[in-house]
Amino acid sequence: VCDDATVHGPEETPIALPEIMSMLTDVDGSEDLMVTIAAIPDGVEISDGNGNTFTASPGNNSVDVTGWKLDNLSIIAPVGSEDFDLTVEAKATESSNNDTATSTGTITVDIIHAPTTADETVTTLEDVSYTFKEADFVFNDVDGDNAAFVTITTLPSNGVLKIGADDVVIGNNNEIAIADIDNLVFIPDENESADSHTAFNFTITDDGVVPLTSEVQTLTI
């Protein structure tokens, strides 16, 4: 049917499955072929992009895809999904005597989860610059991936963010590798101080097989 394979992808996003190759060894038209995908977790949708679709539910976790476009199958896993294995079975039946032959394959679906971060606050003295460090950007990843880079999505309304000698500019140099985060510096405006003086928004992207990005959070200075 297909070689055992592993595919990767995030929740709520189409994940392409490998092409299911099924062919009869008997070419005289005397055999019928049925292709089934089973062990589909509840809530997972499978479709072929050609009008055929199926969503698994309790007690209904397999689908006959015999007439589907087998080279264009994809699945969408709902939020909260974990890794799972699909079982693909091709069953040929000889019409003259009902003899059957079955072959199977397994497709492992590796569900990749976006990392999470959190709002954070850092403190500096009046007229004293603040050099950021990795710990200022909270990072959690249930897949065990590492943080790859921070993206500044808005600039502070007061003071200046610099990366090295350059001002941070959205769309230019606002993507900062974690290894370079200590080159990110906030320079406050002169003679200004206050609690929650200013802030900027950011995301963190991991280094997974399919890199994913956290939701936007706020760092307050």
C-alpha atoms as a PDB file:
ATOM      1  CA  VAL A   1       0.000   0.000   0.000  1.00  0.00           C
ATOM      2  CA  CYS A   2       2.665   2.462   1.112  1.00  0.00           C
ATOM      3  CA  ASP A   3       5.975   2.279   2.854  1.00  0.00           C
ATOM      4  CA  ASP A   4       5.772   3.028   6.556  1.00  0.00           C
ATOM      5  CA  ALA A   5       6.327   6.742   6.876  1.00  0.00           C
ATOM      6  CA  THR A   6       6.282   9.662   9.308  1.00  0.00           C
ATOM      7  CA  VAL A   7       4.803  13.076   8.593  1.00  0.00           C
ATOM      8  CA  HIS A   8       5.050  16.208  10.717  1.00  0.00           C
ATOM      9  CA  GLY A   9       2.760  19.172  11.181  1.00  0.00           C
ATOM     10  CA  PRO A  10       0.959  21.437  13.632  1.00  0.00           C
ATOM     11  CA  GLU A  11      -2.571  21.196  14.962  1.00  0.00           C
ATOM     12  CA  GLU A  12      -5.418  22.775  12.940  1.00  0.00           C
ATOM     13  CA  THR A  13      -3.259  22.844   9.800  1.00  0.00           C
ATOM     14  CA  PRO A  14      -3.421  20.443   6.828  1.00  0.00           C
ATOM     15  CA  ILE A  15      -0.678  17.811   7.007  1.00  0.00           C
ATOM     16  CA  ALA A  16       0.024  16.067   3.703  1.00  0.00           C
ATOM     17  CA  LEU A  17       0.106  12.273   3.811  1.00  0.00           C
ATOM     18  CA  PRO A  18       2.424  10.222   1.598  1.00  0.00           C
ATOM     19  CA  GLU A  19       0.901   8.886  -1.600  1.00  0.00           C
ATOM     20  CA  ILE A  20      -0.885   5.586  -1.078  1.00  0.00           C
ATOM     21  CA  MET A  21       0.249   3.238  -3.844  1.00  0.00           C
ATOM     22  CA  SER A  22      -2.123   0.339  -4.382  1.00  0.00           C
ATOM     23  CA  MET A  23      -2.199  -1.838  -7.486  1.00  0.00           C
ATOM     24  CA  LEU A  24      -3.547  -5.253  -8.408  1.00  0.00           C
ATOM     25  CA  THR A  25      -1.237  -8.046  -9.431  1.00  0.00           C
ATOM     26  CA  ASP A  26      -4.169  -9.477 -11.381  1.00  0.00           C
ATOM     27  CA  VAL A  27      -4.807  -7.222 -14.359  1.00  0.00           C
ATOM     28  CA  ASP A  28      -7.682  -9.151 -16.003  1.00  0.00           C
ATOM     29  CA  GLY A  29     -10.299  -7.210 -14.078  1.00  0.00           C
ATOM     30  CA  SER A  30     -11.348 -10.152 -11.920  1.00  0.00           C
ATOM     31  CA  GLU A  31     -10.293  -8.574  -8.637  1.00  0.00           C
ATOM     32  CA  ASP A  32     -11.895  -5.812  -6.617  1.00  0.00           C
ATOM     33  CA  LEU A  33      -9.724  -3.548  -4.490  1.00  0.00           C
ATOM     34  CA  MET A  34     -10.739  -1.706  -1.321  1.00  0.00           C
ATOM     35  CA  VAL A  35      -8.413   0.778   0.410  1.00  0.00           C
ATOM     36  CA  THR A  36      -9.156   1.691   4.018  1.00  0.00           C
ATOM     37  CA  ILE A  37      -7.539   4.093   6.469  1.00  0.00           C
ATOM     38  CA  ALA A  38      -8.140   3.125  10.100  1.00  0.00           C
ATOM     39  CA  ALA A  39      -7.175   4.121  13.645  1.00  0.00           C
ATOM     40  CA  ILE A  40      -8.070   7.748  12.904  1.00  0.00           C
ATOM     41  CA  PRO A  41      -8.361   9.582  16.248  1.00  0.00           C
ATOM     42  CA  ASP A  42     -11.651  11.254  17.139  1.00  0.00           C
ATOM     43  CA  GLY A  43     -11.903  14.732  15.660  1.00  0.00           C
ATOM     44  CA  VAL A  44      -9.224  14.203  13.014  1.00  0.00           C
ATOM     45  CA  GLU A  45     -10.346  15.119   9.498  1.00  0.00           C
ATOM     46  CA  ILE A  46      -9.006  13.434   6.386  1.00  0.00           C
ATOM     47  CA  SER A  47      -9.645  14.737   2.865  1.00  0.00           C
ATOM     48  CA  ASP A  48      -8.329  14.444  -0.679  1.00  0.00           C
ATOM     49  CA  GLY A  49      -8.853  17.994  -1.895  1.00  0.00           C
ATOM     50  CA  ASN A  50     -11.278  16.620  -4.452  1.00  0.00           C
ATOM     51  CA  GLY A  51     -14.519  16.791  -2.499  1.00  0.00           C
ATOM     52  CA  ASN A  52     -14.045  13.690  -0.347  1.00  0.00           C
ATOM     53  CA  THR A  53     -13.729  14.240   3.391  1.00  0.00           C
ATOM     54  CA  PHE A  54     -14.191  12.294   6.626  1.00  0.00           C
ATOM     55  CA  THR A  55     -14.017  13.273  10.282  1.00  0.00           C
ATOM     56  CA  ALA A  56     -13.510  10.505  12.841  1.00  0.00           C
ATOM     57  CA  SER A  57     -15.853  10.246  15.805  1.00  0.00           C
ATOM     58  CA  PRO A  58     -16.269   7.784  18.710  1.00  0.00           C
ATOM     59  CA  GLY A  59     -16.870   4.347  17.222  1.00  0.00           C
ATOM     60  CA  ASN A  60     -16.317   5.612  13.679  1.00  0.00           C
ATOM     61  CA  ASN A  61     -12.570   5.742  13.171  1.00  0.00           C
ATOM     62  CA  SER A  62     -11.982   4.259   9.731  1.00  0.00           C
ATOM     63  CA  VAL A  63     -12.901   5.277   6.202  1.00  0.00           C
ATOM     64  CA  ASP A  64     -13.007   3.566   2.810  1.00  0.00           C
ATOM     65  CA  VAL A  65     -10.934   5.753   0.477  1.00  0.00           C
ATOM     66  CA  THR A  66     -11.071   3.437  -2.539  1.00  0.00           C
ATOM     67  CA  GLY A  67     -12.406   6.079  -4.905  1.00  0.00           C
ATOM     68  CA  TRP A  68     -10.484   8.992  -3.414  1.00  0.00           C
ATOM     69  CA  LYS A  69      -7.536  10.856  -4.903  1.00  0.00           C
ATOM     70  CA  LEU A  70      -4.883   8.852  -3.073  1.00  0.00           C
ATOM     71  CA  ASP A  71      -1.956  11.031  -4.097  1.00  0.00           C
ATOM     72  CA  ASN A  72      -3.427  14.149  -2.459  1.00  0.00           C
ATOM     73  CA  LEU A  73      -4.563  13.044   0.997  1.00  0.00           C
ATOM     74  CA  SER A  74      -4.132  15.289   4.017  1.00  0.00           C
ATOM     75  CA  ILE A  75      -5.298  15.345   7.612  1.00  0.00           C
ATOM     76  CA  ILE A  76      -6.190  18.109  10.040  1.00  0.00           C
ATOM     77  CA  ALA A  77      -5.774  17.347  13.750  1.00  0.00           C
ATOM     78  CA  PRO A  78      -7.776  19.378  16.290  1.00  0.00           C
ATOM     79  CA  VAL A  79      -6.263  21.350  19.172  1.00  0.00           C
ATOM     80  CA  GLY A  80      -4.999  19.056  21.903  1.00  0.00           C
ATOM     81  CA  SER A  81      -3.985  16.266  19.548  1.00  0.00           C
ATOM     82  CA  GLU A  82      -0.943  14.121  20.234  1.00  0.00           C
ATOM     83  CA  ASP A  83       1.094  11.905  17.913  1.00  0.00           C
ATOM     84  CA  PHE A  84      -0.815   8.995  16.374  1.00  0.00           C
ATOM     85  CA  ASP A  85      -0.474   6.149  13.863  1.00  0.00           C
ATOM     86  CA  LEU A  86      -2.797   5.623  10.909  1.00  0.00           C
ATOM     87  CA  THR A  87      -3.241   2.121   9.528  1.00  0.00           C
ATOM     88  CA  VAL A  88      -3.604   1.887   5.747  1.00  0.00           C
ATOM     89  CA  GLU A  89      -4.995  -1.364   4.351  1.00  0.00           C
ATOM     90  CA  ALA A  90      -5.517  -2.513   0.747  1.00  0.00           C
ATOM     91  CA  LYS A  91      -7.657  -5.604   0.322  1.00  0.00           C
ATOM     92  CA  ALA A  92      -7.983  -7.372  -3.046  1.00  0.00           C
ATOM     93  CA  THR A  93     -10.845  -9.831  -3.537  1.00  0.00           C
ATOM     94  CA  GLU A  94     -10.982 -12.344  -6.411  1.00  0.00           C
ATOM     95  CA  SER A  95     -14.531 -12.197  -7.750  1.00  0.00           C
ATOM     96  CA  SER A  96     -14.568 -15.827  -8.908  1.00  0.00           C
ATOM     97  CA  ASN A  97     -13.840 -17.418  -5.531  1.00  0.00           C
ATOM     98  CA  ASN A  98     -13.736 -14.561  -2.996  1.00  0.00           C
ATOM     99  CA  ASP A  99     -10.078 -15.221  -2.212  1.00  0.00           C
ATOM    100  CA  THR A 100      -8.543 -12.167  -0.596  1.00  0.00           C
ATOM    101  CA  ALA A 101      -5.080 -10.692  -0.232  1.00  0.00           C
ATOM    102  CA  THR A 102      -4.337  -7.846   2.153  1.00  0.00           C
ATOM    103  CA  SER A 103      -1.380  -5.491   2.540  1.00  0.00           C
ATOM    104  CA  THR A 104      -0.973  -2.814   5.179  1.00  0.00           C
ATOM    105  CA  GLY A 105       1.175   0.183   5.992  1.00  0.00           C
ATOM    106  CA  THR A 106       1.538   2.608   8.869  1.00  0.00           C
ATOM    107  CA  ILE A 107       1.712   6.395   8.696  1.00  0.00           C
ATOM    108  CA  THR A 108       2.939   8.017  11.896  1.00  0.00           C
ATOM    109  CA  VAL A 109       1.645  11.561  12.347  1.00  0.00           C
ATOM    110  CA  ASP A 110       3.936  13.671  14.525  1.00  0.00           C
ATOM    111  CA  ILE A 111       1.870  16.552  15.875  1.00  0.00           C
ATOM    112  CA  ILE A 112       4.052  19.591  16.443  1.00  0.00           C
ATOM    113  CA  HIS A 113       2.986  22.136  19.060  1.00  0.00           C
ATOM    114  CA  ALA A 114       3.705  25.840  18.995  1.00  0.00           C
ATOM    115  CA  PRO A 115       5.931  27.085  21.819  1.00  0.00           C
ATOM    116  CA  THR A 116       4.533  29.345  24.493  1.00  0.00           C
ATOM    117  CA  THR A 117       5.927  32.459  26.107  1.00  0.00           C
ATOM    118  CA  ALA A 118       4.584  34.979  28.600  1.00  0.00           C
ATOM    119  CA  ASP A 119       4.421  38.646  29.448  1.00  0.00           C
ATOM    120  CA  GLU A 120       7.508  39.791  31.324  1.00  0.00           C
ATOM    121  CA  THR A 121       8.761  42.892  33.133  1.00  0.00           C
ATOM    122  CA  VAL A 122      12.351  44.106  33.465  1.00  0.00           C
ATOM    123  CA  THR A 123      13.684  47.026  35.497  1.00  0.00           C
ATOM    124  CA  THR A 124      16.405  49.558  34.923  1.00  0.00           C
ATOM    125  CA  LEU A 125      17.409  52.836  36.581  1.00  0.00           C
ATOM    126  CA  GLU A 126      16.692  56.254  35.132  1.00  0.00           C
ATOM    127  CA  ASP A 127      19.096  57.067  32.272  1.00  0.00           C
ATOM    128  CA  VAL A 128      20.623  53.569  32.484  1.00  0.00           C
ATOM    129  CA  SER A 129      20.450  51.252  29.481  1.00  0.00           C
ATOM    130  CA  TYR A 130      19.156  47.704  29.865  1.00  0.00           C
ATOM    131  CA  THR A 131      20.832  44.784  28.105  1.00  0.00           C
ATOM    132  CA  PHE A 132      18.455  41.899  27.552  1.00  0.00           C
ATOM    133  CA  LYS A 133      19.269  38.293  28.280  1.00  0.00           C
ATOM    134  CA  GLU A 134      17.687  35.030  27.220  1.00  0.00           C
ATOM    135  CA  ALA A 135      15.932  34.604  30.576  1.00  0.00           C
ATOM    136  CA  ASP A 136      13.936  37.789  29.894  1.00  0.00           C
ATOM    137  CA  PHE A 137      12.022  35.926  27.203  1.00  0.00           C
ATOM    138  CA  VAL A 138      10.109  33.038  28.772  1.00  0.00           C
ATOM    139  CA  PHE A 139      10.094  29.963  26.535  1.00  0.00           C
ATOM    140  CA  ASN A 140       8.278  26.652  26.918  1.00  0.00           C
ATOM    141  CA  ASP A 141       7.965  23.902  24.327  1.00  0.00           C
ATOM    142  CA  VAL A 142       6.227  20.589  25.015  1.00  0.00           C
ATOM    143  CA  ASP A 143       7.991  18.995  22.024  1.00  0.00           C
ATOM    144  CA  GLY A 144      11.381  19.656  23.598  1.00  0.00           C
ATOM    145  CA  ASP A 145      12.517  22.039  20.871  1.00  0.00           C
ATOM    146  CA  ASN A 146      14.823  24.953  21.642  1.00  0.00           C
ATOM    147  CA  ALA A 147      14.182  28.646  21.176  1.00  0.00           C
ATOM    148  CA  ALA A 148      15.612  29.802  17.843  1.00  0.00           C
ATOM    149  CA  PHE A 149      14.872  33.515  17.668  1.00  0.00           C
ATOM    150  CA  VAL A 150      12.840  36.368  19.108  1.00  0.00           C
ATOM    151  CA  THR A 151      10.887  38.636  16.788  1.00  0.00           C
ATOM    152  CA  ILE A 152      10.121  42.166  17.954  1.00  0.00           C
ATOM    153  CA  THR A 153       6.634  42.937  16.610  1.00  0.00           C
ATOM    154  CA  THR A 154       6.158  46.472  17.998  1.00  0.00           C
ATOM    155  CA  LEU A 155       8.616  49.080  19.237  1.00  0.00           C
ATOM    156  CA  PRO A 156       8.498  50.858  22.621  1.00  0.00           C
ATOM    157  CA  SER A 157       6.745  54.247  22.607  1.00  0.00           C
ATOM    158  CA  ASN A 158       9.524  55.704  24.786  1.00  0.00           C
ATOM    159  CA  GLY A 159      13.248  55.088  24.459  1.00  0.00           C
ATOM    160  CA  VAL A 160      15.021  53.120  21.742  1.00  0.00           C
ATOM    161  CA  LEU A 161      15.699  49.446  21.133  1.00  0.00           C
ATOM    162  CA  LYS A 162      19.069  48.732  19.561  1.00  0.00           C
ATOM    163  CA  ILE A 163      20.618  45.579  18.195  1.00  0.00           C
ATOM    164  CA  GLY A 164      24.325  46.218  18.327  1.00  0.00           C
ATOM    165  CA  ALA A 165      24.872  49.751  17.047  1.00  0.00           C
ATOM    166  CA  ASP A 166      21.655  49.871  15.012  1.00  0.00           C
ATOM    167  CA  ASP A 167      18.136  50.882  15.963  1.00  0.00           C
ATOM    168  CA  VAL A 168      15.711  47.965  15.730  1.00  0.00           C
ATOM    169  CA  VAL A 169      13.487  48.455  12.685  1.00  0.00           C
ATOM    170  CA  ILE A 170      10.376  46.330  12.171  1.00  0.00           C
ATOM    171  CA  GLY A 171      10.758  44.294   8.990  1.00  0.00           C
ATOM    172  CA  ASN A 172      14.505  44.852   8.848  1.00  0.00           C
ATOM    173  CA  ASN A 173      16.501  43.642  11.849  1.00  0.00           C
ATOM    174  CA  ASN A 174      13.727  42.777  14.321  1.00  0.00           C
ATOM    175  CA  GLU A 175      14.340  39.002  14.154  1.00  0.00           C
ATOM    176  CA  ILE A 176      17.049  38.242  16.692  1.00  0.00           C
ATOM    177  CA  ALA A 177      18.697  34.855  17.177  1.00  0.00           C
ATOM    178  CA  ILE A 178      18.645  33.639  20.774  1.00  0.00           C
ATOM    179  CA  ALA A 179      22.446  33.420  20.658  1.00  0.00           C
ATOM    180  CA  ASP A 180      22.529  37.161  19.894  1.00  0.00           C
ATOM    181  CA  ILE A 181      19.914  38.299  22.376  1.00  0.00           C
ATOM    182  CA  ASP A 182      22.543  39.941  24.607  1.00  0.00           C
ATOM    183  CA  ASN A 183      23.117  42.391  21.749  1.00  0.00           C
ATOM    184  CA  LEU A 184      19.585  43.724  22.234  1.00  0.00           C
ATOM    185  CA  VAL A 185      19.648  46.882  24.366  1.00  0.00           C
ATOM    186  CA  PHE A 186      16.979  49.321  25.519  1.00  0.00           C
ATOM    187  CA  ILE A 187      18.161  52.932  25.847  1.00  0.00           C
ATOM    188  CA  PRO A 188      15.677  55.051  27.834  1.00  0.00           C
ATOM    189  CA  ASP A 189      14.881  58.679  27.061  1.00  0.00           C
ATOM    190  CA  GLU A 190      16.840  61.039  29.308  1.00  0.00           C
ATOM    191  CA  ASN A 191      15.409  62.045  32.678  1.00  0.00           C
ATOM    192  CA  GLU A 192      12.340  59.823  32.413  1.00  0.00           C
ATOM    193  CA  SER A 193      11.207  57.213  34.900  1.00  0.00           C
ATOM    194  CA  ALA A 194       7.970  55.496  35.833  1.00  0.00           C
ATOM    195  CA  ASP A 195       6.506  52.122  36.639  1.00  0.00           C
ATOM    196  CA  SER A 196       5.511  50.383  33.404  1.00  0.00           C
ATOM    197  CA  HIS A 197       7.369  53.154  31.599  1.00  0.00           C
ATOM    198  CA  THR A 198       7.117  51.572  28.155  1.00  0.00           C
ATOM    199  CA  ALA A 199       6.740  48.197  26.467  1.00  0.00           C
ATOM    200  CA  PHE A 200       7.129  46.264  23.254  1.00  0.00           C
ATOM    201  CA  ASN A 201       5.583  43.093  21.863  1.00  0.00           C
ATOM    202  CA  PHE A 202       7.435  39.978  20.745  1.00  0.00           C
ATOM    203  CA  THR A 203       7.106  36.367  19.660  1.00  0.00           C
ATOM    204  CA  ILE A 204       9.483  33.407  19.980  1.00  0.00           C
ATOM    205  CA  THR A 205      10.053  30.795  17.266  1.00  0.00           C
ATOM    206  CA  ASP A 206      11.391  27.311  17.977  1.00  0.00           C
ATOM    207  CA  ASP A 207      13.913  25.202  16.057  1.00  0.00           C
ATOM    208  CA  GLY A 208      11.595  22.250  15.413  1.00  0.00           C
ATOM    209  CA  VAL A 209      11.331  20.151  12.258  1.00  0.00           C
ATOM    210  CA  VAL A 210       8.525  22.543  11.336  1.00  0.00           C
ATOM    211  CA  PRO A 211       9.455  25.792  13.134  1.00  0.00           C
ATOM    212  CA  LEU A 212       6.479  27.318  14.931  1.00  0.00           C
ATOM    213  CA  THR A 213       5.955  30.688  16.574  1.00  0.00           C
ATOM    214  CA  SER A 214       4.352  31.598  19.875  1.00  0.00           C
ATOM    215  CA  GLU A 215       1.487  34.007  20.308  1.00  0.00           C
ATOM    216  CA  VAL A 216       2.380  37.668  20.800  1.00  0.00           C
ATOM    217  CA  GLN A 217       3.325  38.714  24.334  1.00  0.00           C
ATOM    218  CA  THR A 218       4.451  41.973  25.981  1.00  0.00           C
ATOM    219  CA  LEU A 219       7.699  42.907  27.676  1.00  0.00           C
ATOM    220  CA  THR A 220       7.323  45.886  29.992  1.00  0.00           C
ATOM    221  CA  ILE A 221      10.194  48.127  31.028  1.00  0.00           C
END
